[in-house]
Amino acid sequence: FVYESGREPKVRELVKKAEILEILKEIRQSKKNYLLFGRY
């Protein structure tokens, strides 16, 4: 996601606005959290 954000500014805007990197960090090792991220 960081790489794609670096390649394309519009992707970076989405990743920042949707807080995707922060959410990915919060998954840790939780199956439930990853499934929720997938639905998000």
PDB file of all heavy atoms in Angstrom:
ATOM      1  N   PHE A   1       0.839  -1.197   0.000  1.00  0.00           N
ATOM      2  CA  PHE A   1       0.000   0.000   0.000  1.00  0.00           C
ATOM      3  C   PHE A   1       0.879   1.255   0.000  1.00  0.00           C
ATOM      4  O   PHE A   1       0.572   2.227  -0.690  1.00  0.00           O
ATOM      5  CB  PHE A   1      -0.951   0.008   1.197  1.00  0.00           C
ATOM      6  CG  PHE A   1      -2.241  -0.719   0.954  1.00  0.00           C
ATOM      7  CD1 PHE A   1      -2.309  -2.098   1.023  1.00  0.00           C
ATOM      8  CD2 PHE A   1      -3.397  -0.017   0.644  1.00  0.00           C
ATOM      9  CE1 PHE A   1      -3.496  -2.771   0.785  1.00  0.00           C
ATOM     10  CE2 PHE A   1      -4.596  -0.681   0.406  1.00  0.00           C
ATOM     11  CZ  PHE A   1      -4.644  -2.060   0.479  1.00  0.00           C
ATOM     12  N   VAL A   2       1.974   1.224   0.744  1.00  0.00           N
ATOM     13  CA  VAL A   2       2.904   2.355   0.751  1.00  0.00           C
ATOM     14  C   VAL A   2       3.499   2.530  -0.648  1.00  0.00           C
ATOM     15  O   VAL A   2       3.573   3.649  -1.171  1.00  0.00           O
ATOM     16  CB  VAL A   2       4.020   2.151   1.808  1.00  0.00           C
ATOM     17  CG1 VAL A   2       5.144   3.170   1.634  1.00  0.00           C
ATOM     18  CG2 VAL A   2       3.439   2.230   3.212  1.00  0.00           C
ATOM     19  N   TYR A   3       3.907   1.436  -1.266  1.00  0.00           N
ATOM     20  CA  TYR A   3       4.491   1.490  -2.607  1.00  0.00           C
ATOM     21  C   TYR A   3       3.495   2.061  -3.613  1.00  0.00           C
ATOM     22  O   TYR A   3       3.831   2.965  -4.390  1.00  0.00           O
ATOM     23  CB  TYR A   3       4.942   0.094  -3.036  1.00  0.00           C
ATOM     24  CG  TYR A   3       5.434   0.045  -4.466  1.00  0.00           C
ATOM     25  CD1 TYR A   3       6.672   0.571  -4.817  1.00  0.00           C
ATOM     26  CD2 TYR A   3       4.645  -0.511  -5.470  1.00  0.00           C
ATOM     27  CE1 TYR A   3       7.113   0.544  -6.130  1.00  0.00           C
ATOM     28  CE2 TYR A   3       5.080  -0.543  -6.788  1.00  0.00           C
ATOM     29  CZ  TYR A   3       6.316  -0.010  -7.104  1.00  0.00           C
ATOM     30  OH  TYR A   3       6.740  -0.031  -8.405  1.00  0.00           O
ATOM     31  N   GLU A   4       2.278   1.537  -3.605  1.00  0.00           N
ATOM     32  CA  GLU A   4       1.260   2.033  -4.540  1.00  0.00           C
ATOM     33  C   GLU A   4       0.952   3.499  -4.285  1.00  0.00           C
ATOM     34  O   GLU A   4       0.693   4.265  -5.210  1.00  0.00           O
ATOM     35  CB  GLU A   4      -0.014   1.188  -4.454  1.00  0.00           C
ATOM     36  CG  GLU A   4       0.160  -0.253  -4.915  1.00  0.00           C
ATOM     37  CD  GLU A   4       0.595  -0.398  -6.366  1.00  0.00           C
ATOM     38  OE1 GLU A   4       0.211   0.433  -7.210  1.00  0.00           O
ATOM     39  OE2 GLU A   4       1.328  -1.366  -6.663  1.00  0.00           O
ATOM     40  N   SER A   5       0.998   3.913  -3.033  1.00  0.00           N
ATOM     41  CA  SER A   5       0.783   5.321  -2.676  1.00  0.00           C
ATOM     42  C   SER A   5       1.899   6.198  -3.225  1.00  0.00           C
ATOM     43  O   SER A   5       1.660   7.333  -3.636  1.00  0.00           O
ATOM     44  CB  SER A   5       0.712   5.489  -1.160  1.00  0.00           C
ATOM     45  OG  SER A   5      -0.417   4.841  -0.641  1.00  0.00           O
ATOM     46  N   GLY A   6       3.120   5.678  -3.206  1.00  0.00           N
ATOM     47  CA  GLY A   6       4.243   6.423  -3.745  1.00  0.00           C
ATOM     48  C   GLY A   6       4.199   6.545  -5.258  1.00  0.00           C
ATOM     49  O   GLY A   6       4.675   7.523  -5.834  1.00  0.00           O
ATOM     50  N   ARG A   7       3.627   5.558  -5.906  1.00  0.00           N
ATOM     51  CA  ARG A   7       3.530   5.558  -7.372  1.00  0.00           C
ATOM     52  C   ARG A   7       2.450   6.497  -7.884  1.00  0.00           C
ATOM     53  O   ARG A   7       2.580   7.063  -8.955  1.00  0.00           O
ATOM     54  CB  ARG A   7       3.204   4.145  -7.879  1.00  0.00           C
ATOM     55  CG  ARG A   7       4.347   3.183  -7.811  1.00  0.00           C
ATOM     56  CD  ARG A   7       3.983   1.844  -8.426  1.00  0.00           C
ATOM     57  NE  ARG A   7       3.720   2.033  -9.847  1.00  0.00           N
ATOM     58  CZ  ARG A   7       2.794   1.367 -10.532  1.00  0.00           C
ATOM     59  NH1 ARG A   7       2.042   0.474  -9.943  1.00  0.00           N
ATOM     60  NH2 ARG A   7       2.612   1.583 -11.807  1.00  0.00           N
ATOM     61  N   GLU A   8       1.365   6.589  -7.125  1.00  0.00           N
ATOM     62  CA  GLU A   8       0.193   7.310  -7.623  1.00  0.00           C
ATOM     63  C   GLU A   8      -0.390   8.214  -6.530  1.00  0.00           C
ATOM     64  O   GLU A   8      -0.914   7.724  -5.530  1.00  0.00           O
ATOM     65  CB  GLU A   8      -0.858   6.307  -8.091  1.00  0.00           C
ATOM     66  CG  GLU A   8      -2.143   6.904  -8.577  1.00  0.00           C
ATOM     67  CD  GLU A   8      -1.941   7.928  -9.692  1.00  0.00           C
ATOM     68  OE1 GLU A   8      -1.351   7.576 -10.733  1.00  0.00           O
ATOM     69  OE2 GLU A   8      -2.372   9.078  -9.504  1.00  0.00           O
ATOM     70  N   PRO A   9      -0.306   9.525  -6.714  1.00  0.00           N
ATOM     71  CA  PRO A   9      -0.820  10.454  -5.698  1.00  0.00           C
ATOM     72  C   PRO A   9      -2.300  10.240  -5.350  1.00  0.00           C
ATOM     73  O   PRO A   9      -2.694  10.438  -4.200  1.00  0.00           O
ATOM     74  CB  PRO A   9      -0.609  11.834  -6.335  1.00  0.00           C
ATOM     75  CG  PRO A   9       0.499  11.634  -7.314  1.00  0.00           C
ATOM     76  CD  PRO A   9       0.342  10.221  -7.825  1.00  0.00           C
ATOM     77  N   LYS A  10      -3.110   9.823  -6.310  1.00  0.00           N
ATOM     78  CA  LYS A  10      -4.533   9.604  -6.018  1.00  0.00           C
ATOM     79  C   LYS A  10      -4.730   8.418  -5.085  1.00  0.00           C
ATOM     80  O   LYS A  10      -5.638   8.423  -4.245  1.00  0.00           O
ATOM     81  CB  LYS A  10      -5.315   9.406  -7.308  1.00  0.00           C
ATOM     82  CG  LYS A  10      -5.372  10.655  -8.160  1.00  0.00           C
ATOM     83  CD  LYS A  10      -6.021  10.365  -9.479  1.00  0.00           C
ATOM     84  CE  LYS A  10      -5.835  11.503 -10.451  1.00  0.00           C
ATOM     85  NZ  LYS A  10      -6.285  11.150 -11.787  1.00  0.00           N
ATOM     86  N   VAL A  11      -3.883   7.407  -5.222  1.00  0.00           N
ATOM     87  CA  VAL A  11      -3.939   6.266  -4.294  1.00  0.00           C
ATOM     88  C   VAL A  11      -3.504   6.734  -2.912  1.00  0.00           C
ATOM     89  O   VAL A  11      -4.113   6.377  -1.904  1.00  0.00           O
ATOM     90  CB  VAL A  11      -3.064   5.092  -4.801  1.00  0.00           C
ATOM     91  CG1 VAL A  11      -2.964   3.997  -3.745  1.00  0.00           C
ATOM     92  CG2 VAL A  11      -3.613   4.539  -6.108  1.00  0.00           C
ATOM     93  N   ARG A  12      -2.470   7.565  -2.870  1.00  0.00           N
ATOM     94  CA  ARG A  12      -1.992   8.095  -1.589  1.00  0.00           C
ATOM     95  C   ARG A  12      -3.110   8.854  -0.870  1.00  0.00           C
ATOM     96  O   ARG A  12      -3.278   8.724   0.340  1.00  0.00           O
ATOM     97  CB  ARG A  12      -0.807   9.028  -1.800  1.00  0.00           C
ATOM     98  CG  ARG A  12      -0.298   9.638  -0.491  1.00  0.00           C
ATOM     99  CD  ARG A  12       0.804  10.617  -0.732  1.00  0.00           C
ATOM    100  NE  ARG A  12       1.907   9.915  -1.358  1.00  0.00           N
ATOM    101  CZ  ARG A  12       3.168  10.078  -1.029  1.00  0.00           C
ATOM    102  NH1 ARG A  12       3.498  10.942  -0.103  1.00  0.00           N
ATOM    103  NH2 ARG A  12       4.103   9.400  -1.637  1.00  0.00           N
ATOM    104  N   GLU A  13      -3.875   9.640  -1.617  1.00  0.00           N
ATOM    105  CA  GLU A  13      -4.981  10.381  -1.006  1.00  0.00           C
ATOM    106  C   GLU A  13      -5.985   9.436  -0.364  1.00  0.00           C
ATOM    107  O   GLU A  13      -6.447   9.673   0.752  1.00  0.00           O
ATOM    108  CB  GLU A  13      -5.683  11.250  -2.056  1.00  0.00           C
ATOM    109  CG  GLU A  13      -4.864  12.419  -2.539  1.00  0.00           C
ATOM    110  CD  GLU A  13      -5.512  13.176  -3.699  1.00  0.00           C
ATOM    111  OE1 GLU A  13      -6.694  12.901  -4.007  1.00  0.00           O
ATOM    112  OE2 GLU A  13      -4.833  14.018  -4.287  1.00  0.00           O
ATOM    113  N   LEU A  14      -6.322   8.354  -1.058  1.00  0.00           N
ATOM    114  CA  LEU A  14      -7.255   7.386  -0.489  1.00  0.00           C
ATOM    115  C   LEU A  14      -6.664   6.721   0.747  1.00  0.00           C
ATOM    116  O   LEU A  14      -7.336   6.612   1.783  1.00  0.00           O
ATOM    117  CB  LEU A  14      -7.627   6.293  -1.501  1.00  0.00           C
ATOM    118  CG  LEU A  14      -8.414   5.132  -0.875  1.00  0.00           C
ATOM    119  CD1 LEU A  14      -9.846   5.551  -0.587  1.00  0.00           C
ATOM    120  CD2 LEU A  14      -8.365   3.903  -1.745  1.00  0.00           C
ATOM    121  N   VAL A  15      -5.430   6.273   0.660  1.00  0.00           N
ATOM    122  CA  VAL A  15      -4.791   5.577   1.776  1.00  0.00           C
ATOM    123  C   VAL A  15      -4.760   6.471   3.013  1.00  0.00           C
ATOM    124  O   VAL A  15      -5.047   6.015   4.121  1.00  0.00           O
ATOM    125  CB  VAL A  15      -3.373   5.088   1.376  1.00  0.00           C
ATOM    126  CG1 VAL A  15      -2.569   4.638   2.582  1.00  0.00           C
ATOM    127  CG2 VAL A  15      -3.493   3.954   0.351  1.00  0.00           C
ATOM    128  N   LYS A  16      -4.484   7.751   2.812  1.00  0.00           N
ATOM    129  CA  LYS A  16      -4.466   8.681   3.947  1.00  0.00           C
ATOM    130  C   LYS A  16      -5.875   8.946   4.479  1.00  0.00           C
ATOM    131  O   LYS A  16      -6.129   8.868   5.667  1.00  0.00           O
ATOM    132  CB  LYS A  16      -3.806  10.008   3.551  1.00  0.00           C
ATOM    133  CG  LYS A  16      -2.318   9.921   3.481  1.00  0.00           C
ATOM    134  CD  LYS A  16      -1.720  11.288   3.218  1.00  0.00           C
ATOM    135  CE  LYS A  16      -0.226  11.191   3.359  1.00  0.00           C
ATOM    136  NZ  LYS A  16       0.353  12.437   3.793  1.00  0.00           N
ATOM    137  N   LYS A  17      -6.783   9.274   3.569  1.00  0.00           N
ATOM    138  CA  LYS A  17      -8.146   9.631   3.981  1.00  0.00           C
ATOM    139  C   LYS A  17      -8.836   8.462   4.675  1.00  0.00           C
ATOM    140  O   LYS A  17      -9.561   8.645   5.654  1.00  0.00           O
ATOM    141  CB  LYS A  17      -8.957  10.080   2.760  1.00  0.00           C
ATOM    142  CG  LYS A  17     -10.335  10.584   3.060  1.00  0.00           C
ATOM    143  CD  LYS A  17     -10.358  11.813   3.902  1.00  0.00           C
ATOM    144  CE  LYS A  17      -9.776  13.012   3.216  1.00  0.00           C
ATOM    145  NZ  LYS A  17      -9.712  14.189   4.104  1.00  0.00           N
ATOM    146  N   ALA A  18      -8.623   7.251   4.174  1.00  0.00           N
ATOM    147  CA  ALA A  18      -9.279   6.062   4.734  1.00  0.00           C
ATOM    148  C   ALA A  18      -8.487   5.450   5.890  1.00  0.00           C
ATOM    149  O   ALA A  18      -8.927   4.446   6.456  1.00  0.00           O
ATOM    150  CB  ALA A  18      -9.483   5.030   3.627  1.00  0.00           C
ATOM    151  N   GLU A  19      -7.334   6.037   6.208  1.00  0.00           N
ATOM    152  CA  GLU A  19      -6.483   5.572   7.318  1.00  0.00           C
ATOM    153  C   GLU A  19      -6.087   4.098   7.162  1.00  0.00           C
ATOM    154  O   GLU A  19      -5.991   3.360   8.131  1.00  0.00           O
ATOM    155  CB  GLU A  19      -7.166   5.798   8.666  1.00  0.00           C
ATOM    156  CG  GLU A  19      -7.502   7.235   8.960  1.00  0.00           C
ATOM    157  CD  GLU A  19      -8.169   7.428  10.292  1.00  0.00           C
ATOM    158  OE1 GLU A  19      -9.353   7.038  10.417  1.00  0.00           O
ATOM    159  OE2 GLU A  19      -7.512   7.955  11.204  1.00  0.00           O
ATOM    160  N   ILE A  20      -5.833   3.690   5.944  1.00  0.00           N
ATOM    161  CA  ILE A  20      -5.562   2.282   5.659  1.00  0.00           C
ATOM    162  C   ILE A  20      -4.290   1.795   6.361  1.00  0.00           C
ATOM    163  O   ILE A  20      -4.293   0.704   6.951  1.00  0.00           O
ATOM    164  CB  ILE A  20      -5.516   2.033   4.144  1.00  0.00           C
ATOM    165  CG1 ILE A  20      -6.933   2.201   3.568  1.00  0.00           C
ATOM    166  CG2 ILE A  20      -4.948   0.654   3.822  1.00  0.00           C
ATOM    167  CD1 ILE A  20      -7.019   2.176   2.065  1.00  0.00           C
ATOM    168  N   LEU A  21      -3.221   2.559   6.313  1.00  0.00           N
ATOM    169  CA  LEU A  21      -1.976   2.102   6.949  1.00  0.00           C
ATOM    170  C   LEU A  21      -2.144   1.949   8.458  1.00  0.00           C
ATOM    171  O   LEU A  21      -1.655   0.973   9.048  1.00  0.00           O
ATOM    172  CB  LEU A  21      -0.827   3.069   6.632  1.00  0.00           C
ATOM    173  CG  LEU A  21      -0.453   3.185   5.159  1.00  0.00           C
ATOM    174  CD1 LEU A  21       0.661   4.203   4.968  1.00  0.00           C
ATOM    175  CD2 LEU A  21      -0.072   1.835   4.573  1.00  0.00           C
ATOM    176  N   GLU A  22      -2.849   2.880   9.072  1.00  0.00           N
ATOM    177  CA  GLU A  22      -3.074   2.793  10.510  1.00  0.00           C
ATOM    178  C   GLU A  22      -3.922   1.571  10.861  1.00  0.00           C
ATOM    179  O   GLU A  22      -3.656   0.876  11.850  1.00  0.00           O
ATOM    180  CB  GLU A  22      -3.753   4.068  11.023  1.00  0.00           C
ATOM    181  CG  GLU A  22      -2.900   5.320  10.920  1.00  0.00           C
ATOM    182  CD  GLU A  22      -2.879   5.970   9.531  1.00  0.00           C
ATOM    183  OE1 GLU A  22      -3.537   5.468   8.605  1.00  0.00           O
ATOM    184  OE2 GLU A  22      -2.185   6.979   9.373  1.00  0.00           O
ATOM    185  N   ILE A  23      -4.934   1.320  10.052  1.00  0.00           N
ATOM    186  CA  ILE A  23      -5.804   0.163  10.300  1.00  0.00           C
ATOM    187  C   ILE A  23      -5.023  -1.133  10.125  1.00  0.00           C
ATOM    188  O   ILE A  23      -5.163  -2.063  10.926  1.00  0.00           O
ATOM    189  CB  ILE A  23      -7.050   0.214   9.394  1.00  0.00           C
ATOM    190  CG1 ILE A  23      -7.937   1.395   9.800  1.00  0.00           C
ATOM    191  CG2 ILE A  23      -7.830  -1.100   9.459  1.00  0.00           C
ATOM    192  CD1 ILE A  23      -9.044   1.733   8.822  1.00  0.00           C
ATOM    193  N   LEU A  24      -4.175  -1.189   9.110  1.00  0.00           N
ATOM    194  CA  LEU A  24      -3.352  -2.393   8.918  1.00  0.00           C
ATOM    195  C   LEU A  24      -2.452  -2.642  10.125  1.00  0.00           C
ATOM    196  O   LEU A  24      -2.269  -3.785  10.541  1.00  0.00           O
ATOM    197  CB  LEU A  24      -2.518  -2.273   7.644  1.00  0.00           C
ATOM    198  CG  LEU A  24      -3.252  -2.573   6.348  1.00  0.00           C
ATOM    199  CD1 LEU A  24      -2.421  -2.146   5.138  1.00  0.00           C
ATOM    200  CD2 LEU A  24      -3.632  -4.043   6.247  1.00  0.00           C
ATOM    201  N   LYS A  25      -1.907  -1.584  10.711  1.00  0.00           N
ATOM    202  CA  LYS A  25      -1.074  -1.735  11.912  1.00  0.00           C
ATOM    203  C   LYS A  25      -1.890  -2.290  13.077  1.00  0.00           C
ATOM    204  O   LYS A  25      -1.386  -3.053  13.898  1.00  0.00           O
ATOM    205  CB  LYS A  25      -0.469  -0.395  12.327  1.00  0.00           C
ATOM    206  CG  LYS A  25       0.672   0.056  11.475  1.00  0.00           C
ATOM    207  CD  LYS A  25       1.187   1.380  12.014  1.00  0.00           C
ATOM    208  CE  LYS A  25       2.197   2.004  11.087  1.00  0.00           C
ATOM    209  NZ  LYS A  25       2.674   3.299  11.596  1.00  0.00           N
ATOM    210  N   GLU A  26      -3.142  -1.879  13.157  1.00  0.00           N
ATOM    211  CA  GLU A  26      -3.990  -2.275  14.288  1.00  0.00           C
ATOM    212  C   GLU A  26      -4.478  -3.722  14.194  1.00  0.00           C
ATOM    213  O   GLU A  26      -4.999  -4.256  15.169  1.00  0.00           O
ATOM    214  CB  GLU A  26      -5.186  -1.333  14.388  1.00  0.00           C
ATOM    215  CG  GLU A  26      -4.795   0.082  14.780  1.00  0.00           C
ATOM    216  CD  GLU A  26      -5.957   1.062  14.715  1.00  0.00           C
ATOM    217  OE1 GLU A  26      -7.057   0.694  14.253  1.00  0.00           O
ATOM    218  OE2 GLU A  26      -5.758   2.219  15.125  1.00  0.00           O
ATOM    219  N   ILE A  27      -4.319  -4.348  13.054  1.00  0.00           N
ATOM    220  CA  ILE A  27      -4.779  -5.739  12.902  1.00  0.00           C
ATOM    221  C   ILE A  27      -4.021  -6.652  13.840  1.00  0.00           C
ATOM    222  O   ILE A  27      -4.584  -7.572  14.421  1.00  0.00           O
ATOM    223  CB  ILE A  27      -4.632  -6.211  11.428  1.00  0.00           C
ATOM    224  CG1 ILE A  27      -5.654  -5.472  10.576  1.00  0.00           C
ATOM    225  CG2 ILE A  27      -4.787  -7.728  11.321  1.00  0.00           C
ATOM    226  CD1 ILE A  27      -5.464  -5.663   9.082  1.00  0.00           C
ATOM    227  N   ARG A  28      -2.725  -6.378  13.971  1.00  0.00           N
ATOM    228  CA  ARG A  28      -1.816  -7.223  14.747  1.00  0.00           C
ATOM    229  C   ARG A  28      -1.968  -8.673  14.287  1.00  0.00           C
ATOM    230  O   ARG A  28      -1.770  -8.948  13.118  1.00  0.00           O
ATOM    231  CB  ARG A  28      -2.034  -7.020  16.221  1.00  0.00           C
ATOM    232  CG  ARG A  28      -1.730  -5.584  16.613  1.00  0.00           C
ATOM    233  CD  ARG A  28      -1.421  -5.375  18.038  1.00  0.00           C
ATOM    234  NE  ARG A  28      -0.900  -4.062  18.338  1.00  0.00           N
ATOM    235  CZ  ARG A  28      -1.498  -2.914  18.123  1.00  0.00           C
ATOM    236  NH1 ARG A  28      -2.663  -2.865  17.573  1.00  0.00           N
ATOM    237  NH2 ARG A  28      -0.928  -1.781  18.468  1.00  0.00           N
ATOM    238  N   GLN A  29      -2.326  -9.573  15.127  1.00  0.00           N
ATOM    239  CA  GLN A  29      -2.471 -10.979  14.716  1.00  0.00           C
ATOM    240  C   GLN A  29      -3.920 -11.444  14.812  1.00  0.00           C
ATOM    241  O   GLN A  29      -4.179 -12.642  14.901  1.00  0.00           O
ATOM    242  CB  GLN A  29      -1.574 -11.865  15.576  1.00  0.00           C
ATOM    243  CG  GLN A  29      -0.098 -11.610  15.331  1.00  0.00           C
ATOM    244  CD  GLN A  29       0.765 -12.475  16.198  1.00  0.00           C
ATOM    245  OE1 GLN A  29       0.652 -12.449  17.425  1.00  0.00           O
ATOM    246  NE2 GLN A  29       1.622 -13.253  15.569  1.00  0.00           N
ATOM    247  N   SER A  30      -4.851 -10.521  14.759  1.00  0.00           N
ATOM    248  CA  SER A  30      -6.252 -10.843  14.963  1.00  0.00           C
ATOM    249  C   SER A  30      -6.962 -11.215  13.654  1.00  0.00           C
ATOM    250  O   SER A  30      -7.046 -10.403  12.729  1.00  0.00           O
ATOM    251  CB  SER A  30      -6.961  -9.656  15.607  1.00  0.00           C
ATOM    252  OG  SER A  30      -8.354  -9.834  15.602  1.00  0.00           O
ATOM    253  N   LYS A  31      -7.492 -12.409  13.620  1.00  0.00           N
ATOM    254  CA  LYS A  31      -8.274 -12.852  12.466  1.00  0.00           C
ATOM    255  C   LYS A  31      -9.490 -11.942  12.290  1.00  0.00           C
ATOM    256  O   LYS A  31      -9.783 -11.496  11.179  1.00  0.00           O
ATOM    257  CB  LYS A  31      -8.729 -14.296  12.673  1.00  0.00           C
ATOM    258  CG  LYS A  31      -9.646 -14.818  11.583  1.00  0.00           C
ATOM    259  CD  LYS A  31     -10.072 -16.259  11.858  1.00  0.00           C
ATOM    260  CE  LYS A  31     -10.989 -16.786  10.778  1.00  0.00           C
ATOM    261  NZ  LYS A  31     -11.339 -18.208  11.002  1.00  0.00           N
ATOM    262  N   LYS A  32     -10.167 -11.660  13.376  1.00  0.00           N
ATOM    263  CA  LYS A  32     -11.364 -10.817  13.336  1.00  0.00           C
ATOM    264  C   LYS A  32     -11.045  -9.442  12.742  1.00  0.00           C
ATOM    265  O   LYS A  32     -11.786  -8.931  11.909  1.00  0.00           O
ATOM    266  CB  LYS A  32     -11.933 -10.674  14.751  1.00  0.00           C
ATOM    267  CG  LYS A  32     -13.133  -9.778  14.849  1.00  0.00           C
ATOM    268  CD  LYS A  32     -13.590  -9.636  16.295  1.00  0.00           C
ATOM    269  CE  LYS A  32     -14.648  -8.561  16.410  1.00  0.00           C
ATOM    270  NZ  LYS A  32     -14.947  -8.216  17.784  1.00  0.00           N
ATOM    271  N   ASN A  33      -9.938  -8.847  13.171  1.00  0.00           N
ATOM    272  CA  ASN A  33      -9.560  -7.528  12.664  1.00  0.00           C
ATOM    273  C   ASN A  33      -9.240  -7.566  11.173  1.00  0.00           C
ATOM    274  O   ASN A  33      -9.589  -6.647  10.440  1.00  0.00           O
ATOM    275  CB  ASN A  33      -8.374  -6.970  13.441  1.00  0.00           C
ATOM    276  CG  ASN A  33      -8.734  -6.538  14.844  1.00  0.00           C
ATOM    277  OD1 ASN A  33      -9.908  -6.490  15.214  1.00  0.00           O
ATOM    278  ND2 ASN A  33      -7.726  -6.235  15.648  1.00  0.00           N
ATOM    279  N   TYR A  34      -8.583  -8.633  10.715  1.00  0.00           N
ATOM    280  CA  TYR A  34      -8.274  -8.698   9.286  1.00  0.00           C
ATOM    281  C   TYR A  34      -9.546  -8.865   8.462  1.00  0.00           C
ATOM    282  O   TYR A  34      -9.694  -8.235   7.412  1.00  0.00           O
ATOM    283  CB  TYR A  34      -7.268  -9.802   8.932  1.00  0.00           C
ATOM    284  CG  TYR A  34      -6.830  -9.612   7.501  1.00  0.00           C
ATOM    285  CD1 TYR A  34      -5.835  -8.703   7.201  1.00  0.00           C
ATOM    286  CD2 TYR A  34      -7.498 -10.234   6.446  1.00  0.00           C
ATOM    287  CE1 TYR A  34      -5.483  -8.437   5.885  1.00  0.00           C
ATOM    288  CE2 TYR A  34      -7.160  -9.971   5.136  1.00  0.00           C
ATOM    289  CZ  TYR A  34      -6.149  -9.071   4.864  1.00  0.00           C
ATOM    290  OH  TYR A  34      -5.830  -8.786   3.565  1.00  0.00           O
ATOM    291  N   LEU A  35     -10.450  -9.705   8.931  1.00  0.00           N
ATOM    292  CA  LEU A  35     -11.707  -9.890   8.202  1.00  0.00           C
ATOM    293  C   LEU A  35     -12.481  -8.577   8.121  1.00  0.00           C
ATOM    294  O   LEU A  35     -13.064  -8.246   7.078  1.00  0.00           O
ATOM    295  CB  LEU A  35     -12.541 -10.996   8.846  1.00  0.00           C
ATOM    296  CG  LEU A  35     -11.912 -12.393   8.806  1.00  0.00           C
ATOM    297  CD1 LEU A  35     -12.786 -13.389   9.562  1.00  0.00           C
ATOM    298  CD2 LEU A  35     -11.654 -12.856   7.383  1.00  0.00           C
ATOM    299  N   LEU A  36     -12.455  -7.822   9.189  1.00  0.00           N
ATOM    300  CA  LEU A  36     -13.104  -6.514   9.206  1.00  0.00           C
ATOM    301  C   LEU A  36     -12.422  -5.572   8.210  1.00  0.00           C
ATOM    302  O   LEU A  36     -13.098  -4.853   7.458  1.00  0.00           O
ATOM    303  CB  LEU A  36     -13.069  -5.926  10.618  1.00  0.00           C
ATOM    304  CG  LEU A  36     -13.710  -4.562  10.820  1.00  0.00           C
ATOM    305  CD1 LEU A  36     -15.193  -4.594  10.466  1.00  0.00           C
ATOM    306  CD2 LEU A  36     -13.522  -4.113  12.266  1.00  0.00           C
ATOM    307  N   PHE A  37     -11.104  -5.592   8.158  1.00  0.00           N
ATOM    308  CA  PHE A  37     -10.374  -4.769   7.199  1.00  0.00           C
ATOM    309  C   PHE A  37     -10.761  -5.144   5.763  1.00  0.00           C
ATOM    310  O   PHE A  37     -10.964  -4.272   4.922  1.00  0.00           O
ATOM    311  CB  PHE A  37      -8.859  -4.919   7.392  1.00  0.00           C
ATOM    312  CG  PHE A  37      -8.063  -4.257   6.313  1.00  0.00           C
ATOM    313  CD1 PHE A  37      -7.999  -2.872   6.222  1.00  0.00           C
ATOM    314  CD2 PHE A  37      -7.390  -5.011   5.362  1.00  0.00           C
ATOM    315  CE1 PHE A  37      -7.271  -2.254   5.208  1.00  0.00           C
ATOM    316  CE2 PHE A  37      -6.665  -4.405   4.352  1.00  0.00           C
ATOM    317  CZ  PHE A  37      -6.606  -3.026   4.272  1.00  0.00           C
ATOM    318  N   GLY A  38     -10.896  -6.432   5.493  1.00  0.00           N
ATOM    319  CA  GLY A  38     -11.306  -6.867   4.159  1.00  0.00           C
ATOM    320  C   GLY A  38     -12.669  -6.318   3.776  1.00  0.00           C
ATOM    321  O   GLY A  38     -12.874  -5.855   2.650  1.00  0.00           O
ATOM    322  N   ARG A  39     -13.595  -6.331   4.697  1.00  0.00           N
ATOM    323  CA  ARG A  39     -14.928  -5.783   4.423  1.00  0.00           C
ATOM    324  C   ARG A  39     -14.873  -4.262   4.248  1.00  0.00           C
ATOM    325  O   ARG A  39     -15.597  -3.691   3.425  1.00  0.00           O
ATOM    326  CB  ARG A  39     -15.902  -6.183   5.528  1.00  0.00           C
ATOM    327  CG  ARG A  39     -16.213  -7.683   5.491  1.00  0.00           C
ATOM    328  CD  ARG A  39     -17.387  -8.065   6.348  1.00  0.00           C
ATOM    329  NE  ARG A  39     -17.249  -7.716   7.751  1.00  0.00           N
ATOM    330  CZ  ARG A  39     -16.688  -8.474   8.681  1.00  0.00           C
ATOM    331  NH1 ARG A  39     -16.198  -9.648   8.368  1.00  0.00           N
ATOM    332  NH2 ARG A  39     -16.634  -8.074   9.928  1.00  0.00           N
ATOM    333  N   TYR A  40     -13.999  -3.614   5.000  1.00  0.00           N
ATOM    334  CA  TYR A  40     -13.806  -2.165   4.861  1.00  0.00           C
ATOM    335  C   TYR A  40     -13.304  -1.839   3.456  1.00  0.00           C
ATOM    336  O   TYR A  40     -13.798  -0.910   2.807  1.00  0.00           O
ATOM    337  CB  TYR A  40     -12.815  -1.696   5.930  1.00  0.00           C
ATOM    338  CG  TYR A  40     -12.500  -0.220   5.922  1.00  0.00           C
ATOM    339  CD1 TYR A  40     -13.497   0.738   6.082  1.00  0.00           C
ATOM    340  CD2 TYR A  40     -11.185   0.216   5.801  1.00  0.00           C
ATOM    341  CE1 TYR A  40     -13.203   2.098   6.114  1.00  0.00           C
ATOM    342  CE2 TYR A  40     -10.876   1.576   5.833  1.00  0.00           C
ATOM    343  CZ  TYR A  40     -11.887   2.505   5.984  1.00  0.00           C
ATOM    344  OH  TYR A  40     -11.591   3.846   6.015  1.00  0.00           O
TER     345      TYR A  40
END
